Amino acid sequence: IYPDRQHFAMRYGTPQDWLTTTSNIVWTQGEYDPWRGGGVVTGFDSSSSLHVLTIPKGAHHLDLFFSHENDTQEVIDVRKFEMQ
């Protein structure tokens, strides 16, 4: 079995397509997220409402967990950005 490397682009479009068809999306991933390589990892123009954020020393969906006293400033900042 071989992966279909065009499936995602054919089904959902490319990041360039998203610039004209979507808005207000924030993709986040932790630096240590095992799924990071399969996600959106490139940034968009700063005037776009599409954002890609990486949490240093973060794991998979760390930003979606409840707040904790040991949260790093980076994850706190990402959560604040997501709520804007």
PDB file of N, CA and C in Angstrom:
ATOM      1  N   ILE A   1       0.853  -1.177   0.000  1.00  0.00           N
ATOM      2  CA  ILE A   1       0.000   0.000   0.000  1.00  0.00           C
ATOM      3  C   ILE A   1       0.893   1.231   0.000  1.00  0.00           C
ATOM      4  N   TYR A   2       0.571   2.175  -0.853  1.00  0.00           N
ATOM      5  CA  TYR A   2       1.331   3.407  -0.946  1.00  0.00           C
ATOM      6  C   TYR A   2       0.420   4.590  -0.636  1.00  0.00           C
ATOM      7  N   PRO A   3       0.929   5.581   0.089  1.00  0.00           N
ATOM      8  CA  PRO A   3       0.096   6.755   0.394  1.00  0.00           C
ATOM      9  C   PRO A   3      -0.178   7.567  -0.868  1.00  0.00           C
ATOM     10  N   ASP A   4      -1.362   8.116  -0.943  1.00  0.00           N
ATOM     11  CA  ASP A   4      -1.717   9.001  -2.048  1.00  0.00           C
ATOM     12  C   ASP A   4      -1.359  10.426  -1.632  1.00  0.00           C
ATOM     13  N   ARG A   5      -0.236  10.906  -2.074  1.00  0.00           N
ATOM     14  CA  ARG A   5       0.264  12.207  -1.655  1.00  0.00           C
ATOM     15  C   ARG A   5      -0.560  13.378  -2.202  1.00  0.00           C
ATOM     16  N   GLN A   6      -1.420  13.130  -3.136  1.00  0.00           N
ATOM     17  CA  GLN A   6      -2.262  14.183  -3.700  1.00  0.00           C
ATOM     18  C   GLN A   6      -3.663  14.208  -3.090  1.00  0.00           C
ATOM     19  N   HIS A   7      -3.986  13.209  -2.274  1.00  0.00           N
ATOM     20  CA  HIS A   7      -5.342  13.095  -1.734  1.00  0.00           C
ATOM     21  C   HIS A   7      -5.780  14.349  -0.980  1.00  0.00           C
ATOM     22  N   PHE A   8      -4.953  14.830  -0.069  1.00  0.00           N
ATOM     23  CA  PHE A   8      -5.331  15.977   0.751  1.00  0.00           C
ATOM     24  C   PHE A   8      -5.592  17.207  -0.110  1.00  0.00           C
ATOM     25  N   ALA A   9      -4.682  17.484  -1.030  1.00  0.00           N
ATOM     26  CA  ALA A   9      -4.846  18.657  -1.891  1.00  0.00           C
ATOM     27  C   ALA A   9      -6.065  18.528  -2.793  1.00  0.00           C
ATOM     28  N   MET A  10      -6.326  17.337  -3.300  1.00  0.00           N
ATOM     29  CA  MET A  10      -7.493  17.141  -4.160  1.00  0.00           C
ATOM     30  C   MET A  10      -8.792  17.260  -3.363  1.00  0.00           C
ATOM     31  N   ARG A  11      -8.772  16.800  -2.138  1.00  0.00           N
ATOM     32  CA  ARG A  11      -9.987  16.805  -1.319  1.00  0.00           C
ATOM     33  C   ARG A  11     -10.254  18.156  -0.657  1.00  0.00           C
ATOM     34  N   TYR A  12      -9.200  18.799  -0.128  1.00  0.00           N
ATOM     35  CA  TYR A  12      -9.372  20.008   0.670  1.00  0.00           C
ATOM     36  C   TYR A  12      -8.755  21.263   0.062  1.00  0.00           C
ATOM     37  N   GLY A  13      -8.053  21.113  -1.033  1.00  0.00           N
ATOM     38  CA  GLY A  13      -7.373  22.259  -1.625  1.00  0.00           C
ATOM     39  C   GLY A  13      -5.983  22.424  -1.050  1.00  0.00           C
ATOM     40  N   THR A  14      -5.286  23.393  -1.574  1.00  0.00           N
ATOM     41  CA  THR A  14      -3.926  23.681  -1.126  1.00  0.00           C
ATOM     42  C   THR A  14      -3.950  24.922  -0.240  1.00  0.00           C
ATOM     43  N   PRO A  15      -2.872  25.180   0.503  1.00  0.00           N
ATOM     44  CA  PRO A  15      -2.836  26.415   1.298  1.00  0.00           C
ATOM     45  C   PRO A  15      -3.108  27.664   0.464  1.00  0.00           C
ATOM     46  N   GLN A  16      -2.683  27.695  -0.781  1.00  0.00           N
ATOM     47  CA  GLN A  16      -2.982  28.849  -1.637  1.00  0.00           C
ATOM     48  C   GLN A  16      -4.477  28.959  -1.908  1.00  0.00           C
ATOM     49  N   ASP A  17      -5.163  27.821  -2.054  1.00  0.00           N
ATOM     50  CA  ASP A  17      -6.618  27.840  -2.232  1.00  0.00           C
ATOM     51  C   ASP A  17      -7.303  28.382  -0.988  1.00  0.00           C
ATOM     52  N   TRP A  18      -6.803  28.000   0.176  1.00  0.00           N
ATOM     53  CA  TRP A  18      -7.427  28.405   1.437  1.00  0.00           C
ATOM     54  C   TRP A  18      -7.419  29.911   1.622  1.00  0.00           C
ATOM     55  N   LEU A  19      -6.396  30.582   1.063  1.00  0.00           N
ATOM     56  CA  LEU A  19      -6.328  32.033   1.202  1.00  0.00           C
ATOM     57  C   LEU A  19      -7.537  32.729   0.598  1.00  0.00           C
ATOM     58  N   THR A  20      -8.150  32.116  -0.410  1.00  0.00           N
ATOM     59  CA  THR A  20      -9.299  32.741  -1.068  1.00  0.00           C
ATOM     60  C   THR A  20     -10.632  32.153  -0.625  1.00  0.00           C
ATOM     61  N   THR A  21     -10.599  31.043   0.112  1.00  0.00           N
ATOM     62  CA  THR A  21     -11.866  30.376   0.444  1.00  0.00           C
ATOM     63  C   THR A  21     -12.145  30.254   1.933  1.00  0.00           C
ATOM     64  N   THR A  22     -11.186  30.585   2.788  1.00  0.00           N
ATOM     65  CA  THR A  22     -11.380  30.419   4.229  1.00  0.00           C
ATOM     66  C   THR A  22     -10.880  31.648   4.972  1.00  0.00           C
ATOM     67  N   SER A  23     -11.262  31.731   6.247  1.00  0.00           N
ATOM     68  CA  SER A  23     -10.770  32.830   7.083  1.00  0.00           C
ATOM     69  C   SER A  23     -10.835  32.414   8.547  1.00  0.00           C
ATOM     70  N   ASN A  24     -10.075  33.133   9.353  1.00  0.00           N
ATOM     71  CA  ASN A  24     -10.082  32.960  10.810  1.00  0.00           C
ATOM     72  C   ASN A  24      -9.771  31.538  11.256  1.00  0.00           C
ATOM     73  N   ILE A  25      -8.682  31.000  10.762  1.00  0.00           N
ATOM     74  CA  ILE A  25      -8.246  29.658  11.153  1.00  0.00           C
ATOM     75  C   ILE A  25      -6.876  29.752  11.795  1.00  0.00           C
ATOM     76  N   VAL A  26      -6.703  29.047  12.911  1.00  0.00           N
ATOM     77  CA  VAL A  26      -5.418  28.962  13.589  1.00  0.00           C
ATOM     78  C   VAL A  26      -5.041  27.491  13.683  1.00  0.00           C
ATOM     79  N   TRP A  27      -3.939  27.120  13.047  1.00  0.00           N
ATOM     80  CA  TRP A  27      -3.412  25.761  13.169  1.00  0.00           C
ATOM     81  C   TRP A  27      -2.311  25.816  14.215  1.00  0.00           C
ATOM     82  N   THR A  28      -2.395  24.958  15.217  1.00  0.00           N
ATOM     83  CA  THR A  28      -1.349  24.901  16.238  1.00  0.00           C
ATOM     84  C   THR A  28      -0.797  23.488  16.314  1.00  0.00           C
ATOM     85  N   GLN A  29       0.456  23.427  16.692  1.00  0.00           N
ATOM     86  CA  GLN A  29       1.080  22.126  16.912  1.00  0.00           C
ATOM     87  C   GLN A  29       2.258  22.313  17.851  1.00  0.00           C
ATOM     88  N   GLY A  30       2.498  21.283  18.614  1.00  0.00           N
ATOM     89  CA  GLY A  30       3.638  21.313  19.511  1.00  0.00           C
ATOM     90  C   GLY A  30       4.905  20.918  18.784  1.00  0.00           C
ATOM     91  N   GLU A  31       6.008  21.420  19.274  1.00  0.00           N
ATOM     92  CA  GLU A  31       7.306  21.076  18.688  1.00  0.00           C
ATOM     93  C   GLU A  31       7.534  19.565  18.725  1.00  0.00           C
ATOM     94  N   TYR A  32       7.013  18.889  19.758  1.00  0.00           N
ATOM     95  CA  TYR A  32       7.195  17.447  19.898  1.00  0.00           C
ATOM     96  C   TYR A  32       5.953  16.655  19.478  1.00  0.00           C
ATOM     97  N   ASP A  33       5.064  17.278  18.756  1.00  0.00           N
ATOM     98  CA  ASP A  33       3.836  16.626  18.302  1.00  0.00           C
ATOM     99  C   ASP A  33       4.174  15.616  17.208  1.00  0.00           C
ATOM    100  N   PRO A  34       3.873  14.322  17.410  1.00  0.00           N
ATOM    101  CA  PRO A  34       4.210  13.336  16.386  1.00  0.00           C
ATOM    102  C   PRO A  34       3.422  13.526  15.085  1.00  0.00           C
ATOM    103  N   TRP A  35       2.311  14.259  15.129  1.00  0.00           N
ATOM    104  CA  TRP A  35       1.497  14.493  13.931  1.00  0.00           C
ATOM    105  C   TRP A  35       1.904  15.770  13.203  1.00  0.00           C
ATOM    106  N   ARG A  36       2.852  16.495  13.750  1.00  0.00           N
ATOM    107  CA  ARG A  36       3.234  17.788  13.193  1.00  0.00           C
ATOM    108  C   ARG A  36       3.606  17.718  11.711  1.00  0.00           C
ATOM    109  N   GLY A  37       4.339  16.714  11.311  1.00  0.00           N
ATOM    110  CA  GLY A  37       4.766  16.593   9.921  1.00  0.00           C
ATOM    111  C   GLY A  37       3.633  16.441   8.937  1.00  0.00           C
ATOM    112  N   GLY A  38       2.487  15.969   9.394  1.00  0.00           N
ATOM    113  CA  GLY A  38       1.335  15.812   8.521  1.00  0.00           C
ATOM    114  C   GLY A  38       0.377  16.984   8.583  1.00  0.00           C
ATOM    115  N   GLY A  39       0.712  17.983   9.364  1.00  0.00           N
ATOM    116  CA  GLY A  39      -0.167  19.131   9.522  1.00  0.00           C
ATOM    117  C   GLY A  39       0.270  20.317   8.690  1.00  0.00           C
ATOM    118  N   VAL A  40      -0.375  21.427   8.925  1.00  0.00           N
ATOM    119  CA  VAL A  40      -0.023  22.670   8.249  1.00  0.00           C
ATOM    120  C   VAL A  40       1.149  23.262   9.021  1.00  0.00           C
ATOM    121  N   VAL A  41       2.297  23.341   8.380  1.00  0.00           N
ATOM    122  CA  VAL A  41       3.495  23.800   9.081  1.00  0.00           C
ATOM    123  C   VAL A  41       4.083  25.080   8.500  1.00  0.00           C
ATOM    124  N   THR A  42       3.571  25.542   7.386  1.00  0.00           N
ATOM    125  CA  THR A  42       4.082  26.776   6.793  1.00  0.00           C
ATOM    126  C   THR A  42       3.168  27.925   7.159  1.00  0.00           C
ATOM    127  N   GLY A  43       3.764  29.088   7.253  1.00  0.00           N
ATOM    128  CA  GLY A  43       2.997  30.275   7.592  1.00  0.00           C
ATOM    129  C   GLY A  43       2.318  30.897   6.390  1.00  0.00           C
ATOM    130  N   PHE A  44       1.466  31.833   6.674  1.00  0.00           N
ATOM    131  CA  PHE A  44       0.760  32.580   5.639  1.00  0.00           C
ATOM    132  C   PHE A  44       1.175  34.039   5.751  1.00  0.00           C
ATOM    133  N   ASP A  45       0.838  34.823   4.763  1.00  0.00           N
ATOM    134  CA  ASP A  45       1.108  36.255   4.777  1.00  0.00           C
ATOM    135  C   ASP A  45       0.519  36.867   6.055  1.00  0.00           C
ATOM    136  N   SER A  46       1.225  37.809   6.642  1.00  0.00           N
ATOM    137  CA  SER A  46       0.777  38.401   7.907  1.00  0.00           C
ATOM    138  C   SER A  46      -0.553  39.137   7.781  1.00  0.00           C
ATOM    139  N   SER A  47      -0.958  39.501   6.564  1.00  0.00           N
ATOM    140  CA  SER A  47      -2.250  40.168   6.383  1.00  0.00           C
ATOM    141  C   SER A  47      -3.400  39.160   6.322  1.00  0.00           C
ATOM    142  N   SER A  48      -3.079  37.886   6.268  1.00  0.00           N
ATOM    143  CA  SER A  48      -4.094  36.837   6.190  1.00  0.00           C
ATOM    144  C   SER A  48      -4.683  36.567   7.573  1.00  0.00           C
ATOM    145  N   SER A  49      -5.879  36.004   7.611  1.00  0.00           N
ATOM    146  CA  SER A  49      -6.473  35.583   8.889  1.00  0.00           C
ATOM    147  C   SER A  49      -6.235  34.092   9.134  1.00  0.00           C
ATOM    148  N   LEU A  50      -5.309  33.503   8.379  1.00  0.00           N
ATOM    149  CA  LEU A  50      -4.911  32.113   8.573  1.00  0.00           C
ATOM    150  C   LEU A  50      -3.545  32.120   9.256  1.00  0.00           C
ATOM    151  N   HIS A  51      -3.428  31.385  10.369  1.00  0.00           N
ATOM    152  CA  HIS A  51      -2.211  31.438  11.173  1.00  0.00           C
ATOM    153  C   HIS A  51      -1.722  30.036  11.507  1.00  0.00           C
ATOM    154  N   VAL A  52      -0.412  29.871  11.532  1.00  0.00           N
ATOM    155  CA  VAL A  52       0.230  28.621  11.920  1.00  0.00           C
ATOM    156  C   VAL A  52       1.127  28.933  13.115  1.00  0.00           C
ATOM    157  N   LEU A  53       0.863  28.260  14.245  1.00  0.00           N
ATOM    158  CA  LEU A  53       1.639  28.501  15.462  1.00  0.00           C
ATOM    159  C   LEU A  53       2.249  27.192  15.947  1.00  0.00           C
ATOM    160  N   THR A  54       3.510  27.235  16.311  1.00  0.00           N
ATOM    161  CA  THR A  54       4.178  26.078  16.888  1.00  0.00           C
ATOM    162  C   THR A  54       4.530  26.400  18.336  1.00  0.00           C
ATOM    163  N   ILE A  55       4.191  25.484  19.233  1.00  0.00           N
ATOM    164  CA  ILE A  55       4.456  25.676  20.658  1.00  0.00           C
ATOM    165  C   ILE A  55       5.793  25.020  20.988  1.00  0.00           C
ATOM    166  N   PRO A  56       6.836  25.821  21.300  1.00  0.00           N
ATOM    167  CA  PRO A  56       8.130  25.234  21.657  1.00  0.00           C
ATOM    168  C   PRO A  56       7.992  24.285  22.851  1.00  0.00           C
ATOM    169  N   LYS A  57       8.648  23.143  22.749  1.00  0.00           N
ATOM    170  CA  LYS A  57       8.632  22.111  23.792  1.00  0.00           C
ATOM    171  C   LYS A  57       7.217  21.612  24.097  1.00  0.00           C
ATOM    172  N   GLY A  58       6.291  21.800  23.156  1.00  0.00           N
ATOM    173  CA  GLY A  58       4.905  21.383  23.342  1.00  0.00           C
ATOM    174  C   GLY A  58       4.629  20.037  22.710  1.00  0.00           C
ATOM    175  N   ALA A  59       3.579  19.397  23.182  1.00  0.00           N
ATOM    176  CA  ALA A  59       3.147  18.106  22.668  1.00  0.00           C
ATOM    177  C   ALA A  59       1.830  18.261  21.911  1.00  0.00           C
ATOM    178  N   HIS A  60       1.299  17.143  21.465  1.00  0.00           N
ATOM    179  CA  HIS A  60       0.051  17.121  20.698  1.00  0.00           C
ATOM    180  C   HIS A  60      -1.099  17.728  21.507  1.00  0.00           C
ATOM    181  N   HIS A  61      -1.803  18.662  20.948  1.00  0.00           N
ATOM    182  CA  HIS A  61      -2.946  19.417  21.472  1.00  0.00           C
ATOM    183  C   HIS A  61      -2.744  19.978  22.879  1.00  0.00           C
ATOM    184  N   LEU A  62      -1.525  20.378  23.208  1.00  0.00           N
ATOM    185  CA  LEU A  62      -1.232  20.982  24.510  1.00  0.00           C
ATOM    186  C   LEU A  62      -2.066  22.235  24.750  1.00  0.00           C
ATOM    187  N   ASP A  63      -2.285  23.017  23.701  1.00  0.00           N
ATOM    188  CA  ASP A  63      -3.059  24.250  23.839  1.00  0.00           C
ATOM    189  C   ASP A  63      -4.523  24.004  24.172  1.00  0.00           C
ATOM    190  N   LEU A  64      -5.014  22.785  23.973  1.00  0.00           N
ATOM    191  CA  LEU A  64      -6.422  22.471  24.253  1.00  0.00           C
ATOM    192  C   LEU A  64      -6.643  21.926  25.660  1.00  0.00           C
ATOM    193  N   PHE A  65      -5.554  21.629  26.372  1.00  0.00           N
ATOM    194  CA  PHE A  65      -5.684  21.164  27.757  1.00  0.00           C
ATOM    195  C   PHE A  65      -6.100  22.314  28.663  1.00  0.00           C
ATOM    196  N   PHE A  66      -6.574  21.968  29.843  1.00  0.00           N
ATOM    197  CA  PHE A  66      -6.875  22.989  30.836  1.00  0.00           C
ATOM    198  C   PHE A  66      -5.587  23.696  31.245  1.00  0.00           C
ATOM    199  N   SER A  67      -5.706  24.943  31.678  1.00  0.00           N
ATOM    200  CA  SER A  67      -4.545  25.687  32.158  1.00  0.00           C
ATOM    201  C   SER A  67      -3.960  24.993  33.373  1.00  0.00           C
ATOM    202  N   HIS A  68      -2.655  25.120  33.522  1.00  0.00           N
ATOM    203  CA  HIS A  68      -1.954  24.492  34.643  1.00  0.00           C
ATOM    204  C   HIS A  68      -0.852  25.430  35.095  1.00  0.00           C
ATOM    205  N   GLU A  69      -0.522  25.383  36.354  1.00  0.00           N
ATOM    206  CA  GLU A  69       0.504  26.279  36.891  1.00  0.00           C
ATOM    207  C   GLU A  69       1.874  26.071  36.244  1.00  0.00           C
ATOM    208  N   ASN A  70       2.103  24.914  35.656  1.00  0.00           N
ATOM    209  CA  ASN A  70       3.386  24.634  35.002  1.00  0.00           C
ATOM    210  C   ASN A  70       3.391  24.971  33.512  1.00  0.00           C
ATOM    211  N   ASP A  71       2.326  25.570  33.001  1.00  0.00           N
ATOM    212  CA  ASP A  71       2.295  25.962  31.592  1.00  0.00           C
ATOM    213  C   ASP A  71       3.420  26.946  31.298  1.00  0.00           C
ATOM    214  N   THR A  72       4.038  26.770  30.144  1.00  0.00           N
ATOM    215  CA  THR A  72       5.073  27.717  29.728  1.00  0.00           C
ATOM    216  C   THR A  72       4.409  28.993  29.213  1.00  0.00           C
ATOM    217  N   GLN A  73       5.172  30.048  29.148  1.00  0.00           N
ATOM    218  CA  GLN A  73       4.639  31.304  28.631  1.00  0.00           C
ATOM    219  C   GLN A  73       4.207  31.149  27.174  1.00  0.00           C
ATOM    220  N   GLU A  74       4.911  30.307  26.418  1.00  0.00           N
ATOM    221  CA  GLU A  74       4.566  30.103  25.011  1.00  0.00           C
ATOM    222  C   GLU A  74       3.164  29.506  24.843  1.00  0.00           C
ATOM    223  N   VAL A  75       2.821  28.515  25.657  1.00  0.00           N
ATOM    224  CA  VAL A  75       1.488  27.918  25.524  1.00  0.00           C
ATOM    225  C   VAL A  75       0.415  28.888  26.026  1.00  0.00           C
ATOM    226  N   ILE A  76       0.725  29.677  27.025  1.00  0.00           N
ATOM    227  CA  ILE A  76      -0.214  30.706  27.496  1.00  0.00           C
ATOM    228  C   ILE A  76      -0.473  31.711  26.381  1.00  0.00           C
ATOM    229  N   ASP A  77       0.604  32.135  25.696  1.00  0.00           N
ATOM    230  CA  ASP A  77       0.463  33.087  24.595  1.00  0.00           C
ATOM    231  C   ASP A  77      -0.358  32.522  23.437  1.00  0.00           C
ATOM    232  N   VAL A  78      -0.137  31.250  23.102  1.00  0.00           N
ATOM    233  CA  VAL A  78      -0.895  30.613  22.025  1.00  0.00           C
ATOM    234  C   VAL A  78      -2.384  30.559  22.388  1.00  0.00           C
ATOM    235  N   ARG A  79      -2.694  30.186  23.620  1.00  0.00           N
ATOM    236  CA  ARG A  79      -4.104  30.141  24.039  1.00  0.00           C
ATOM    237  C   ARG A  79      -4.750  31.520  23.938  1.00  0.00           C
ATOM    238  N   LYS A  80      -4.039  32.546  24.347  1.00  0.00           N
ATOM    239  CA  LYS A  80      -4.579  33.913  24.245  1.00  0.00           C
ATOM    240  C   LYS A  80      -4.831  34.274  22.789  1.00  0.00           C
ATOM    241  N   PHE A  81      -3.884  33.943  21.916  1.00  0.00           N
ATOM    242  CA  PHE A  81      -4.033  34.233  20.492  1.00  0.00           C
ATOM    243  C   PHE A  81      -5.252  33.516  19.922  1.00  0.00           C
ATOM    244  N   GLU A  82      -5.450  32.267  20.306  1.00  0.00           N
ATOM    245  CA  GLU A  82      -6.588  31.480  19.785  1.00  0.00           C
ATOM    246  C   GLU A  82      -7.925  32.084  20.211  1.00  0.00           C
ATOM    247  N   MET A  83      -7.960  32.757  21.329  1.00  0.00           N
ATOM    248  CA  MET A  83      -9.218  33.317  21.839  1.00  0.00           C
ATOM    249  C   MET A  83      -9.528  34.699  21.268  1.00  0.00           C
ATOM    250  N   GLN A  84      -8.605  35.283  20.527  1.00  0.00           N
ATOM    251  CA  GLN A  84      -8.851  36.614  19.952  1.00  0.00           C
ATOM    252  C   GLN A  84      -9.871  36.551  18.854  1.00  0.00           C
TER     253      GLN A  84
END
